[in-house]
Amino acid sequence: AAVALQNYFFEKGMDLVEEMNKRA
């Protein structure tokens, strides 16, 4: 599920891990 969520953001041109670090 984590990878599927990551795929969602990839399709939007975003890196979920990068966003996670920003959020932290």
PDBML (XML) file of the C-alpha atoms, coordinates in Angstrom:
<?xml version="1.0" encoding="UTF-8" ?>
<PDBx:datablock datablockName="MODEL"
   xmlns:PDBx="http://pdbml.pdb.org/schema/pdbx-v50.xsd"
   xmlns:xsi="http://www.w3.org/2001/XMLSchema-instance"
   xsi:schemaLocation="http://pdbml.pdb.org/schema/pdbx-v50.xsd pdbx-v50.xsd">
   <PDBx:atom_siteCategory>
      <PDBx:atom_site id="1">
         <PDBx:B_iso_or_equiv>0.00</PDBx:B_iso_or_equiv>
         <PDBx:Cartn_x>0.000</PDBx:Cartn_x>
         <PDBx:Cartn_y>0.000</PDBx:Cartn_y>
         <PDBx:Cartn_z>0.000</PDBx:Cartn_z>
         <PDBx:auth_asym_id>A</PDBx:auth_asym_id>
         <PDBx:auth_atom_id>CA</PDBx:auth_atom_id>
         <PDBx:auth_comp_id>ALA</PDBx:auth_comp_id>
         <PDBx:auth_seq_id>1</PDBx:auth_seq_id>
         <PDBx:group_PDB>ATOM</PDBx:group_PDB>
         <PDBx:label_alt_id xsi:nil="true" />
         <PDBx:label_asym_id>A</PDBx:label_asym_id>
         <PDBx:label_atom_id>CA</PDBx:label_atom_id>
         <PDBx:label_comp_id>ALA</PDBx:label_comp_id>
         <PDBx:label_entity_id>1</PDBx:label_entity_id>
         <PDBx:label_seq_id>1</PDBx:label_seq_id>
         <PDBx:occupancy>1.00</PDBx:occupancy>
         <PDBx:pdbx_PDB_model_num>1</PDBx:pdbx_PDB_model_num>
         <PDBx:type_symbol>C</PDBx:type_symbol>
      </PDBx:atom_site>
      <PDBx:atom_site id="2">
         <PDBx:B_iso_or_equiv>0.00</PDBx:B_iso_or_equiv>
         <PDBx:Cartn_x>2.908</PDBx:Cartn_x>
         <PDBx:Cartn_y>2.365</PDBx:Cartn_y>
         <PDBx:Cartn_z>0.741</PDBx:Cartn_z>
         <PDBx:auth_asym_id>A</PDBx:auth_asym_id>
         <PDBx:auth_atom_id>CA</PDBx:auth_atom_id>
         <PDBx:auth_comp_id>ALA</PDBx:auth_comp_id>
         <PDBx:auth_seq_id>2</PDBx:auth_seq_id>
         <PDBx:group_PDB>ATOM</PDBx:group_PDB>
         <PDBx:label_alt_id xsi:nil="true" />
         <PDBx:label_asym_id>A</PDBx:label_asym_id>
         <PDBx:label_atom_id>CA</PDBx:label_atom_id>
         <PDBx:label_comp_id>ALA</PDBx:label_comp_id>
         <PDBx:label_entity_id>1</PDBx:label_entity_id>
         <PDBx:label_seq_id>2</PDBx:label_seq_id>
         <PDBx:occupancy>1.00</PDBx:occupancy>
         <PDBx:pdbx_PDB_model_num>1</PDBx:pdbx_PDB_model_num>
         <PDBx:type_symbol>C</PDBx:type_symbol>
      </PDBx:atom_site>
      <PDBx:atom_site id="3">
         <PDBx:B_iso_or_equiv>0.00</PDBx:B_iso_or_equiv>
         <PDBx:Cartn_x>4.298</PDBx:Cartn_x>
         <PDBx:Cartn_y>1.764</PDBx:Cartn_y>
         <PDBx:Cartn_z>-2.741</PDBx:Cartn_z>
         <PDBx:auth_asym_id>A</PDBx:auth_asym_id>
         <PDBx:auth_atom_id>CA</PDBx:auth_atom_id>
         <PDBx:auth_comp_id>VAL</PDBx:auth_comp_id>
         <PDBx:auth_seq_id>3</PDBx:auth_seq_id>
         <PDBx:group_PDB>ATOM</PDBx:group_PDB>
         <PDBx:label_alt_id xsi:nil="true" />
         <PDBx:label_asym_id>A</PDBx:label_asym_id>
         <PDBx:label_atom_id>CA</PDBx:label_atom_id>
         <PDBx:label_comp_id>VAL</PDBx:label_comp_id>
         <PDBx:label_entity_id>1</PDBx:label_entity_id>
         <PDBx:label_seq_id>3</PDBx:label_seq_id>
         <PDBx:occupancy>1.00</PDBx:occupancy>
         <PDBx:pdbx_PDB_model_num>1</PDBx:pdbx_PDB_model_num>
         <PDBx:type_symbol>C</PDBx:type_symbol>
      </PDBx:atom_site>
      <PDBx:atom_site id="4">
         <PDBx:B_iso_or_equiv>0.00</PDBx:B_iso_or_equiv>
         <PDBx:Cartn_x>0.873</PDBx:Cartn_x>
         <PDBx:Cartn_y>2.260</PDBx:Cartn_y>
         <PDBx:Cartn_z>-4.333</PDBx:Cartn_z>
         <PDBx:auth_asym_id>A</PDBx:auth_asym_id>
         <PDBx:auth_atom_id>CA</PDBx:auth_atom_id>
         <PDBx:auth_comp_id>ALA</PDBx:auth_comp_id>
         <PDBx:auth_seq_id>4</PDBx:auth_seq_id>
         <PDBx:group_PDB>ATOM</PDBx:group_PDB>
         <PDBx:label_alt_id xsi:nil="true" />
         <PDBx:label_asym_id>A</PDBx:label_asym_id>
         <PDBx:label_atom_id>CA</PDBx:label_atom_id>
         <PDBx:label_comp_id>ALA</PDBx:label_comp_id>
         <PDBx:label_entity_id>1</PDBx:label_entity_id>
         <PDBx:label_seq_id>4</PDBx:label_seq_id>
         <PDBx:occupancy>1.00</PDBx:occupancy>
         <PDBx:pdbx_PDB_model_num>1</PDBx:pdbx_PDB_model_num>
         <PDBx:type_symbol>C</PDBx:type_symbol>
      </PDBx:atom_site>
      <PDBx:atom_site id="5">
         <PDBx:B_iso_or_equiv>0.00</PDBx:B_iso_or_equiv>
         <PDBx:Cartn_x>0.632</PDBx:Cartn_x>
         <PDBx:Cartn_y>5.596</PDBx:Cartn_y>
         <PDBx:Cartn_z>-2.503</PDBx:Cartn_z>
         <PDBx:auth_asym_id>A</PDBx:auth_asym_id>
         <PDBx:auth_atom_id>CA</PDBx:auth_atom_id>
         <PDBx:auth_comp_id>LEU</PDBx:auth_comp_id>
         <PDBx:auth_seq_id>5</PDBx:auth_seq_id>
         <PDBx:group_PDB>ATOM</PDBx:group_PDB>
         <PDBx:label_alt_id xsi:nil="true" />
         <PDBx:label_asym_id>A</PDBx:label_asym_id>
         <PDBx:label_atom_id>CA</PDBx:label_atom_id>
         <PDBx:label_comp_id>LEU</PDBx:label_comp_id>
         <PDBx:label_entity_id>1</PDBx:label_entity_id>
         <PDBx:label_seq_id>5</PDBx:label_seq_id>
         <PDBx:occupancy>1.00</PDBx:occupancy>
         <PDBx:pdbx_PDB_model_num>1</PDBx:pdbx_PDB_model_num>
         <PDBx:type_symbol>C</PDBx:type_symbol>
      </PDBx:atom_site>
      <PDBx:atom_site id="6">
         <PDBx:B_iso_or_equiv>0.00</PDBx:B_iso_or_equiv>
         <PDBx:Cartn_x>4.107</PDBx:Cartn_x>
         <PDBx:Cartn_y>6.476</PDBx:Cartn_y>
         <PDBx:Cartn_z>-3.725</PDBx:Cartn_z>
         <PDBx:auth_asym_id>A</PDBx:auth_asym_id>
         <PDBx:auth_atom_id>CA</PDBx:auth_atom_id>
         <PDBx:auth_comp_id>GLN</PDBx:auth_comp_id>
         <PDBx:auth_seq_id>6</PDBx:auth_seq_id>
         <PDBx:group_PDB>ATOM</PDBx:group_PDB>
         <PDBx:label_alt_id xsi:nil="true" />
         <PDBx:label_asym_id>A</PDBx:label_asym_id>
         <PDBx:label_atom_id>CA</PDBx:label_atom_id>
         <PDBx:label_comp_id>GLN</PDBx:label_comp_id>
         <PDBx:label_entity_id>1</PDBx:label_entity_id>
         <PDBx:label_seq_id>6</PDBx:label_seq_id>
         <PDBx:occupancy>1.00</PDBx:occupancy>
         <PDBx:pdbx_PDB_model_num>1</PDBx:pdbx_PDB_model_num>
         <PDBx:type_symbol>C</PDBx:type_symbol>
      </PDBx:atom_site>
      <PDBx:atom_site id="7">
         <PDBx:B_iso_or_equiv>0.00</PDBx:B_iso_or_equiv>
         <PDBx:Cartn_x>2.950</PDBx:Cartn_x>
         <PDBx:Cartn_y>5.652</PDBx:Cartn_y>
         <PDBx:Cartn_z>-7.265</PDBx:Cartn_z>
         <PDBx:auth_asym_id>A</PDBx:auth_asym_id>
         <PDBx:auth_atom_id>CA</PDBx:auth_atom_id>
         <PDBx:auth_comp_id>ASN</PDBx:auth_comp_id>
         <PDBx:auth_seq_id>7</PDBx:auth_seq_id>
         <PDBx:group_PDB>ATOM</PDBx:group_PDB>
         <PDBx:label_alt_id xsi:nil="true" />
         <PDBx:label_asym_id>A</PDBx:label_asym_id>
         <PDBx:label_atom_id>CA</PDBx:label_atom_id>
         <PDBx:label_comp_id>ASN</PDBx:label_comp_id>
         <PDBx:label_entity_id>1</PDBx:label_entity_id>
         <PDBx:label_seq_id>7</PDBx:label_seq_id>
         <PDBx:occupancy>1.00</PDBx:occupancy>
         <PDBx:pdbx_PDB_model_num>1</PDBx:pdbx_PDB_model_num>
         <PDBx:type_symbol>C</PDBx:type_symbol>
      </PDBx:atom_site>
      <PDBx:atom_site id="8">
         <PDBx:B_iso_or_equiv>0.00</PDBx:B_iso_or_equiv>
         <PDBx:Cartn_x>0.049</PDBx:Cartn_x>
         <PDBx:Cartn_y>8.110</PDBx:Cartn_y>
         <PDBx:Cartn_z>-6.879</PDBx:Cartn_z>
         <PDBx:auth_asym_id>A</PDBx:auth_asym_id>
         <PDBx:auth_atom_id>CA</PDBx:auth_atom_id>
         <PDBx:auth_comp_id>TYR</PDBx:auth_comp_id>
         <PDBx:auth_seq_id>8</PDBx:auth_seq_id>
         <PDBx:group_PDB>ATOM</PDBx:group_PDB>
         <PDBx:label_alt_id xsi:nil="true" />
         <PDBx:label_asym_id>A</PDBx:label_asym_id>
         <PDBx:label_atom_id>CA</PDBx:label_atom_id>
         <PDBx:label_comp_id>TYR</PDBx:label_comp_id>
         <PDBx:label_entity_id>1</PDBx:label_entity_id>
         <PDBx:label_seq_id>8</PDBx:label_seq_id>
         <PDBx:occupancy>1.00</PDBx:occupancy>
         <PDBx:pdbx_PDB_model_num>1</PDBx:pdbx_PDB_model_num>
         <PDBx:type_symbol>C</PDBx:type_symbol>
      </PDBx:atom_site>
      <PDBx:atom_site id="9">
         <PDBx:B_iso_or_equiv>0.00</PDBx:B_iso_or_equiv>
         <PDBx:Cartn_x>2.450</PDBx:Cartn_x>
         <PDBx:Cartn_y>10.949</PDBx:Cartn_y>
         <PDBx:Cartn_z>-6.124</PDBx:Cartn_z>
         <PDBx:auth_asym_id>A</PDBx:auth_asym_id>
         <PDBx:auth_atom_id>CA</PDBx:auth_atom_id>
         <PDBx:auth_comp_id>PHE</PDBx:auth_comp_id>
         <PDBx:auth_seq_id>9</PDBx:auth_seq_id>
         <PDBx:group_PDB>ATOM</PDBx:group_PDB>
         <PDBx:label_alt_id xsi:nil="true" />
         <PDBx:label_asym_id>A</PDBx:label_asym_id>
         <PDBx:label_atom_id>CA</PDBx:label_atom_id>
         <PDBx:label_comp_id>PHE</PDBx:label_comp_id>
         <PDBx:label_entity_id>1</PDBx:label_entity_id>
         <PDBx:label_seq_id>9</PDBx:label_seq_id>
         <PDBx:occupancy>1.00</PDBx:occupancy>
         <PDBx:pdbx_PDB_model_num>1</PDBx:pdbx_PDB_model_num>
         <PDBx:type_symbol>C</PDBx:type_symbol>
      </PDBx:atom_site>
      <PDBx:atom_site id="10">
         <PDBx:B_iso_or_equiv>0.00</PDBx:B_iso_or_equiv>
         <PDBx:Cartn_x>4.847</PDBx:Cartn_x>
         <PDBx:Cartn_y>9.887</PDBx:Cartn_y>
         <PDBx:Cartn_z>-8.867</PDBx:Cartn_z>
         <PDBx:auth_asym_id>A</PDBx:auth_asym_id>
         <PDBx:auth_atom_id>CA</PDBx:auth_atom_id>
         <PDBx:auth_comp_id>PHE</PDBx:auth_comp_id>
         <PDBx:auth_seq_id>10</PDBx:auth_seq_id>
         <PDBx:group_PDB>ATOM</PDBx:group_PDB>
         <PDBx:label_alt_id xsi:nil="true" />
         <PDBx:label_asym_id>A</PDBx:label_asym_id>
         <PDBx:label_atom_id>CA</PDBx:label_atom_id>
         <PDBx:label_comp_id>PHE</PDBx:label_comp_id>
         <PDBx:label_entity_id>1</PDBx:label_entity_id>
         <PDBx:label_seq_id>10</PDBx:label_seq_id>
         <PDBx:occupancy>1.00</PDBx:occupancy>
         <PDBx:pdbx_PDB_model_num>1</PDBx:pdbx_PDB_model_num>
         <PDBx:type_symbol>C</PDBx:type_symbol>
      </PDBx:atom_site>
      <PDBx:atom_site id="11">
         <PDBx:B_iso_or_equiv>0.00</PDBx:B_iso_or_equiv>
         <PDBx:Cartn_x>1.984</PDBx:Cartn_x>
         <PDBx:Cartn_y>10.209</PDBx:Cartn_y>
         <PDBx:Cartn_z>-11.358</PDBx:Cartn_z>
         <PDBx:auth_asym_id>A</PDBx:auth_asym_id>
         <PDBx:auth_atom_id>CA</PDBx:auth_atom_id>
         <PDBx:auth_comp_id>GLU</PDBx:auth_comp_id>
         <PDBx:auth_seq_id>11</PDBx:auth_seq_id>
         <PDBx:group_PDB>ATOM</PDBx:group_PDB>
         <PDBx:label_alt_id xsi:nil="true" />
         <PDBx:label_asym_id>A</PDBx:label_asym_id>
         <PDBx:label_atom_id>CA</PDBx:label_atom_id>
         <PDBx:label_comp_id>GLU</PDBx:label_comp_id>
         <PDBx:label_entity_id>1</PDBx:label_entity_id>
         <PDBx:label_seq_id>11</PDBx:label_seq_id>
         <PDBx:occupancy>1.00</PDBx:occupancy>
         <PDBx:pdbx_PDB_model_num>1</PDBx:pdbx_PDB_model_num>
         <PDBx:type_symbol>C</PDBx:type_symbol>
      </PDBx:atom_site>
      <PDBx:atom_site id="12">
         <PDBx:B_iso_or_equiv>0.00</PDBx:B_iso_or_equiv>
         <PDBx:Cartn_x>1.460</PDBx:Cartn_x>
         <PDBx:Cartn_y>13.757</PDBx:Cartn_y>
         <PDBx:Cartn_z>-10.046</PDBx:Cartn_z>
         <PDBx:auth_asym_id>A</PDBx:auth_asym_id>
         <PDBx:auth_atom_id>CA</PDBx:auth_atom_id>
         <PDBx:auth_comp_id>LYS</PDBx:auth_comp_id>
         <PDBx:auth_seq_id>12</PDBx:auth_seq_id>
         <PDBx:group_PDB>ATOM</PDBx:group_PDB>
         <PDBx:label_alt_id xsi:nil="true" />
         <PDBx:label_asym_id>A</PDBx:label_asym_id>
         <PDBx:label_atom_id>CA</PDBx:label_atom_id>
         <PDBx:label_comp_id>LYS</PDBx:label_comp_id>
         <PDBx:label_entity_id>1</PDBx:label_entity_id>
         <PDBx:label_seq_id>12</PDBx:label_seq_id>
         <PDBx:occupancy>1.00</PDBx:occupancy>
         <PDBx:pdbx_PDB_model_num>1</PDBx:pdbx_PDB_model_num>
         <PDBx:type_symbol>C</PDBx:type_symbol>
      </PDBx:atom_site>
      <PDBx:atom_site id="13">
         <PDBx:B_iso_or_equiv>0.00</PDBx:B_iso_or_equiv>
         <PDBx:Cartn_x>5.148</PDBx:Cartn_x>
         <PDBx:Cartn_y>14.595</PDBx:Cartn_y>
         <PDBx:Cartn_z>-10.571</PDBx:Cartn_z>
         <PDBx:auth_asym_id>A</PDBx:auth_asym_id>
         <PDBx:auth_atom_id>CA</PDBx:auth_atom_id>
         <PDBx:auth_comp_id>GLY</PDBx:auth_comp_id>
         <PDBx:auth_seq_id>13</PDBx:auth_seq_id>
         <PDBx:group_PDB>ATOM</PDBx:group_PDB>
         <PDBx:label_alt_id xsi:nil="true" />
         <PDBx:label_asym_id>A</PDBx:label_asym_id>
         <PDBx:label_atom_id>CA</PDBx:label_atom_id>
         <PDBx:label_comp_id>GLY</PDBx:label_comp_id>
         <PDBx:label_entity_id>1</PDBx:label_entity_id>
         <PDBx:label_seq_id>13</PDBx:label_seq_id>
         <PDBx:occupancy>1.00</PDBx:occupancy>
         <PDBx:pdbx_PDB_model_num>1</PDBx:pdbx_PDB_model_num>
         <PDBx:type_symbol>C</PDBx:type_symbol>
      </PDBx:atom_site>
      <PDBx:atom_site id="14">
         <PDBx:B_iso_or_equiv>0.00</PDBx:B_iso_or_equiv>
         <PDBx:Cartn_x>5.971</PDBx:Cartn_x>
         <PDBx:Cartn_y>14.448</PDBx:Cartn_y>
         <PDBx:Cartn_z>-6.852</PDBx:Cartn_z>
         <PDBx:auth_asym_id>A</PDBx:auth_asym_id>
         <PDBx:auth_atom_id>CA</PDBx:auth_atom_id>
         <PDBx:auth_comp_id>MET</PDBx:auth_comp_id>
         <PDBx:auth_seq_id>14</PDBx:auth_seq_id>
         <PDBx:group_PDB>ATOM</PDBx:group_PDB>
         <PDBx:label_alt_id xsi:nil="true" />
         <PDBx:label_asym_id>A</PDBx:label_asym_id>
         <PDBx:label_atom_id>CA</PDBx:label_atom_id>
         <PDBx:label_comp_id>MET</PDBx:label_comp_id>
         <PDBx:label_entity_id>1</PDBx:label_entity_id>
         <PDBx:label_seq_id>14</PDBx:label_seq_id>
         <PDBx:occupancy>1.00</PDBx:occupancy>
         <PDBx:pdbx_PDB_model_num>1</PDBx:pdbx_PDB_model_num>
         <PDBx:type_symbol>C</PDBx:type_symbol>
      </PDBx:atom_site>
      <PDBx:atom_site id="15">
         <PDBx:B_iso_or_equiv>0.00</PDBx:B_iso_or_equiv>
         <PDBx:Cartn_x>8.314</PDBx:Cartn_x>
         <PDBx:Cartn_y>12.321</PDBx:Cartn_y>
         <PDBx:Cartn_z>-4.766</PDBx:Cartn_z>
         <PDBx:auth_asym_id>A</PDBx:auth_asym_id>
         <PDBx:auth_atom_id>CA</PDBx:auth_atom_id>
         <PDBx:auth_comp_id>ASP</PDBx:auth_comp_id>
         <PDBx:auth_seq_id>15</PDBx:auth_seq_id>
         <PDBx:group_PDB>ATOM</PDBx:group_PDB>
         <PDBx:label_alt_id xsi:nil="true" />
         <PDBx:label_asym_id>A</PDBx:label_asym_id>
         <PDBx:label_atom_id>CA</PDBx:label_atom_id>
         <PDBx:label_comp_id>ASP</PDBx:label_comp_id>
         <PDBx:label_entity_id>1</PDBx:label_entity_id>
         <PDBx:label_seq_id>15</PDBx:label_seq_id>
         <PDBx:occupancy>1.00</PDBx:occupancy>
         <PDBx:pdbx_PDB_model_num>1</PDBx:pdbx_PDB_model_num>
         <PDBx:type_symbol>C</PDBx:type_symbol>
      </PDBx:atom_site>
      <PDBx:atom_site id="16">
         <PDBx:B_iso_or_equiv>0.00</PDBx:B_iso_or_equiv>
         <PDBx:Cartn_x>6.421</PDBx:Cartn_x>
         <PDBx:Cartn_y>11.102</PDBx:Cartn_y>
         <PDBx:Cartn_z>-1.690</PDBx:Cartn_z>
         <PDBx:auth_asym_id>A</PDBx:auth_asym_id>
         <PDBx:auth_atom_id>CA</PDBx:auth_atom_id>
         <PDBx:auth_comp_id>LEU</PDBx:auth_comp_id>
         <PDBx:auth_seq_id>16</PDBx:auth_seq_id>
         <PDBx:group_PDB>ATOM</PDBx:group_PDB>
         <PDBx:label_alt_id xsi:nil="true" />
         <PDBx:label_asym_id>A</PDBx:label_asym_id>
         <PDBx:label_atom_id>CA</PDBx:label_atom_id>
         <PDBx:label_comp_id>LEU</PDBx:label_comp_id>
         <PDBx:label_entity_id>1</PDBx:label_entity_id>
         <PDBx:label_seq_id>16</PDBx:label_seq_id>
         <PDBx:occupancy>1.00</PDBx:occupancy>
         <PDBx:pdbx_PDB_model_num>1</PDBx:pdbx_PDB_model_num>
         <PDBx:type_symbol>C</PDBx:type_symbol>
      </PDBx:atom_site>
      <PDBx:atom_site id="17">
         <PDBx:B_iso_or_equiv>0.00</PDBx:B_iso_or_equiv>
         <PDBx:Cartn_x>9.619</PDBx:Cartn_x>
         <PDBx:Cartn_y>10.445</PDBx:Cartn_y>
         <PDBx:Cartn_z>0.266</PDBx:Cartn_z>
         <PDBx:auth_asym_id>A</PDBx:auth_asym_id>
         <PDBx:auth_atom_id>CA</PDBx:auth_atom_id>
         <PDBx:auth_comp_id>VAL</PDBx:auth_comp_id>
         <PDBx:auth_seq_id>17</PDBx:auth_seq_id>
         <PDBx:group_PDB>ATOM</PDBx:group_PDB>
         <PDBx:label_alt_id xsi:nil="true" />
         <PDBx:label_asym_id>A</PDBx:label_asym_id>
         <PDBx:label_atom_id>CA</PDBx:label_atom_id>
         <PDBx:label_comp_id>VAL</PDBx:label_comp_id>
         <PDBx:label_entity_id>1</PDBx:label_entity_id>
         <PDBx:label_seq_id>17</PDBx:label_seq_id>
         <PDBx:occupancy>1.00</PDBx:occupancy>
         <PDBx:pdbx_PDB_model_num>1</PDBx:pdbx_PDB_model_num>
         <PDBx:type_symbol>C</PDBx:type_symbol>
      </PDBx:atom_site>
      <PDBx:atom_site id="18">
         <PDBx:B_iso_or_equiv>0.00</PDBx:B_iso_or_equiv>
         <PDBx:Cartn_x>10.808</PDBx:Cartn_x>
         <PDBx:Cartn_y>13.983</PDBx:Cartn_y>
         <PDBx:Cartn_z>-0.416</PDBx:Cartn_z>
         <PDBx:auth_asym_id>A</PDBx:auth_asym_id>
         <PDBx:auth_atom_id>CA</PDBx:auth_atom_id>
         <PDBx:auth_comp_id>GLU</PDBx:auth_comp_id>
         <PDBx:auth_seq_id>18</PDBx:auth_seq_id>
         <PDBx:group_PDB>ATOM</PDBx:group_PDB>
         <PDBx:label_alt_id xsi:nil="true" />
         <PDBx:label_asym_id>A</PDBx:label_asym_id>
         <PDBx:label_atom_id>CA</PDBx:label_atom_id>
         <PDBx:label_comp_id>GLU</PDBx:label_comp_id>
         <PDBx:label_entity_id>1</PDBx:label_entity_id>
         <PDBx:label_seq_id>18</PDBx:label_seq_id>
         <PDBx:occupancy>1.00</PDBx:occupancy>
         <PDBx:pdbx_PDB_model_num>1</PDBx:pdbx_PDB_model_num>
         <PDBx:type_symbol>C</PDBx:type_symbol>
      </PDBx:atom_site>
      <PDBx:atom_site id="19">
         <PDBx:B_iso_or_equiv>0.00</PDBx:B_iso_or_equiv>
         <PDBx:Cartn_x>7.416</PDBx:Cartn_x>
         <PDBx:Cartn_y>15.253</PDBx:Cartn_y>
         <PDBx:Cartn_z>0.738</PDBx:Cartn_z>
         <PDBx:auth_asym_id>A</PDBx:auth_asym_id>
         <PDBx:auth_atom_id>CA</PDBx:auth_atom_id>
         <PDBx:auth_comp_id>GLU</PDBx:auth_comp_id>
         <PDBx:auth_seq_id>19</PDBx:auth_seq_id>
         <PDBx:group_PDB>ATOM</PDBx:group_PDB>
         <PDBx:label_alt_id xsi:nil="true" />
         <PDBx:label_asym_id>A</PDBx:label_asym_id>
         <PDBx:label_atom_id>CA</PDBx:label_atom_id>
         <PDBx:label_comp_id>GLU</PDBx:label_comp_id>
         <PDBx:label_entity_id>1</PDBx:label_entity_id>
         <PDBx:label_seq_id>19</PDBx:label_seq_id>
         <PDBx:occupancy>1.00</PDBx:occupancy>
         <PDBx:pdbx_PDB_model_num>1</PDBx:pdbx_PDB_model_num>
         <PDBx:type_symbol>C</PDBx:type_symbol>
      </PDBx:atom_site>
      <PDBx:atom_site id="20">
         <PDBx:B_iso_or_equiv>0.00</PDBx:B_iso_or_equiv>
         <PDBx:Cartn_x>7.689</PDBx:Cartn_x>
         <PDBx:Cartn_y>13.112</PDBx:Cartn_y>
         <PDBx:Cartn_z>3.882</PDBx:Cartn_z>
         <PDBx:auth_asym_id>A</PDBx:auth_asym_id>
         <PDBx:auth_atom_id>CA</PDBx:auth_atom_id>
         <PDBx:auth_comp_id>MET</PDBx:auth_comp_id>
         <PDBx:auth_seq_id>20</PDBx:auth_seq_id>
         <PDBx:group_PDB>ATOM</PDBx:group_PDB>
         <PDBx:label_alt_id xsi:nil="true" />
         <PDBx:label_asym_id>A</PDBx:label_asym_id>
         <PDBx:label_atom_id>CA</PDBx:label_atom_id>
         <PDBx:label_comp_id>MET</PDBx:label_comp_id>
         <PDBx:label_entity_id>1</PDBx:label_entity_id>
         <PDBx:label_seq_id>20</PDBx:label_seq_id>
         <PDBx:occupancy>1.00</PDBx:occupancy>
         <PDBx:pdbx_PDB_model_num>1</PDBx:pdbx_PDB_model_num>
         <PDBx:type_symbol>C</PDBx:type_symbol>
      </PDBx:atom_site>
      <PDBx:atom_site id="21">
         <PDBx:B_iso_or_equiv>0.00</PDBx:B_iso_or_equiv>
         <PDBx:Cartn_x>11.016</PDBx:Cartn_x>
         <PDBx:Cartn_y>14.717</PDBx:Cartn_y>
         <PDBx:Cartn_z>4.766</PDBx:Cartn_z>
         <PDBx:auth_asym_id>A</PDBx:auth_asym_id>
         <PDBx:auth_atom_id>CA</PDBx:auth_atom_id>
         <PDBx:auth_comp_id>ASN</PDBx:auth_comp_id>
         <PDBx:auth_seq_id>21</PDBx:auth_seq_id>
         <PDBx:group_PDB>ATOM</PDBx:group_PDB>
         <PDBx:label_alt_id xsi:nil="true" />
         <PDBx:label_asym_id>A</PDBx:label_asym_id>
         <PDBx:label_atom_id>CA</PDBx:label_atom_id>
         <PDBx:label_comp_id>ASN</PDBx:label_comp_id>
         <PDBx:label_entity_id>1</PDBx:label_entity_id>
         <PDBx:label_seq_id>21</PDBx:label_seq_id>
         <PDBx:occupancy>1.00</PDBx:occupancy>
         <PDBx:pdbx_PDB_model_num>1</PDBx:pdbx_PDB_model_num>
         <PDBx:type_symbol>C</PDBx:type_symbol>
      </PDBx:atom_site>
      <PDBx:atom_site id="22">
         <PDBx:B_iso_or_equiv>0.00</PDBx:B_iso_or_equiv>
         <PDBx:Cartn_x>9.549</PDBx:Cartn_x>
         <PDBx:Cartn_y>18.173</PDBx:Cartn_y>
         <PDBx:Cartn_z>4.171</PDBx:Cartn_z>
         <PDBx:auth_asym_id>A</PDBx:auth_asym_id>
         <PDBx:auth_atom_id>CA</PDBx:auth_atom_id>
         <PDBx:auth_comp_id>LYS</PDBx:auth_comp_id>
         <PDBx:auth_seq_id>22</PDBx:auth_seq_id>
         <PDBx:group_PDB>ATOM</PDBx:group_PDB>
         <PDBx:label_alt_id xsi:nil="true" />
         <PDBx:label_asym_id>A</PDBx:label_asym_id>
         <PDBx:label_atom_id>CA</PDBx:label_atom_id>
         <PDBx:label_comp_id>LYS</PDBx:label_comp_id>
         <PDBx:label_entity_id>1</PDBx:label_entity_id>
         <PDBx:label_seq_id>22</PDBx:label_seq_id>
         <PDBx:occupancy>1.00</PDBx:occupancy>
         <PDBx:pdbx_PDB_model_num>1</PDBx:pdbx_PDB_model_num>
         <PDBx:type_symbol>C</PDBx:type_symbol>
      </PDBx:atom_site>
      <PDBx:atom_site id="23">
         <PDBx:B_iso_or_equiv>0.00</PDBx:B_iso_or_equiv>
         <PDBx:Cartn_x>6.593</PDBx:Cartn_x>
         <PDBx:Cartn_y>17.261</PDBx:Cartn_y>
         <PDBx:Cartn_z>6.360</PDBx:Cartn_z>
         <PDBx:auth_asym_id>A</PDBx:auth_asym_id>
         <PDBx:auth_atom_id>CA</PDBx:auth_atom_id>
         <PDBx:auth_comp_id>ARG</PDBx:auth_comp_id>
         <PDBx:auth_seq_id>23</PDBx:auth_seq_id>
         <PDBx:group_PDB>ATOM</PDBx:group_PDB>
         <PDBx:label_alt_id xsi:nil="true" />
         <PDBx:label_asym_id>A</PDBx:label_asym_id>
         <PDBx:label_atom_id>CA</PDBx:label_atom_id>
         <PDBx:label_comp_id>ARG</PDBx:label_comp_id>
         <PDBx:label_entity_id>1</PDBx:label_entity_id>
         <PDBx:label_seq_id>23</PDBx:label_seq_id>
         <PDBx:occupancy>1.00</PDBx:occupancy>
         <PDBx:pdbx_PDB_model_num>1</PDBx:pdbx_PDB_model_num>
         <PDBx:type_symbol>C</PDBx:type_symbol>
      </PDBx:atom_site>
      <PDBx:atom_site id="24">
         <PDBx:B_iso_or_equiv>0.00</PDBx:B_iso_or_equiv>
         <PDBx:Cartn_x>8.846</PDBx:Cartn_x>
         <PDBx:Cartn_y>16.003</PDBx:Cartn_y>
         <PDBx:Cartn_z>9.146</PDBx:Cartn_z>
         <PDBx:auth_asym_id>A</PDBx:auth_asym_id>
         <PDBx:auth_atom_id>CA</PDBx:auth_atom_id>
         <PDBx:auth_comp_id>ALA</PDBx:auth_comp_id>
         <PDBx:auth_seq_id>24</PDBx:auth_seq_id>
         <PDBx:group_PDB>ATOM</PDBx:group_PDB>
         <PDBx:label_alt_id xsi:nil="true" />
         <PDBx:label_asym_id>A</PDBx:label_asym_id>
         <PDBx:label_atom_id>CA</PDBx:label_atom_id>
         <PDBx:label_comp_id>ALA</PDBx:label_comp_id>
         <PDBx:label_entity_id>1</PDBx:label_entity_id>
         <PDBx:label_seq_id>24</PDBx:label_seq_id>
         <PDBx:occupancy>1.00</PDBx:occupancy>
         <PDBx:pdbx_PDB_model_num>1</PDBx:pdbx_PDB_model_num>
         <PDBx:type_symbol>C</PDBx:type_symbol>
      </PDBx:atom_site>
   </PDBx:atom_siteCategory>
</PDBx:datablock>
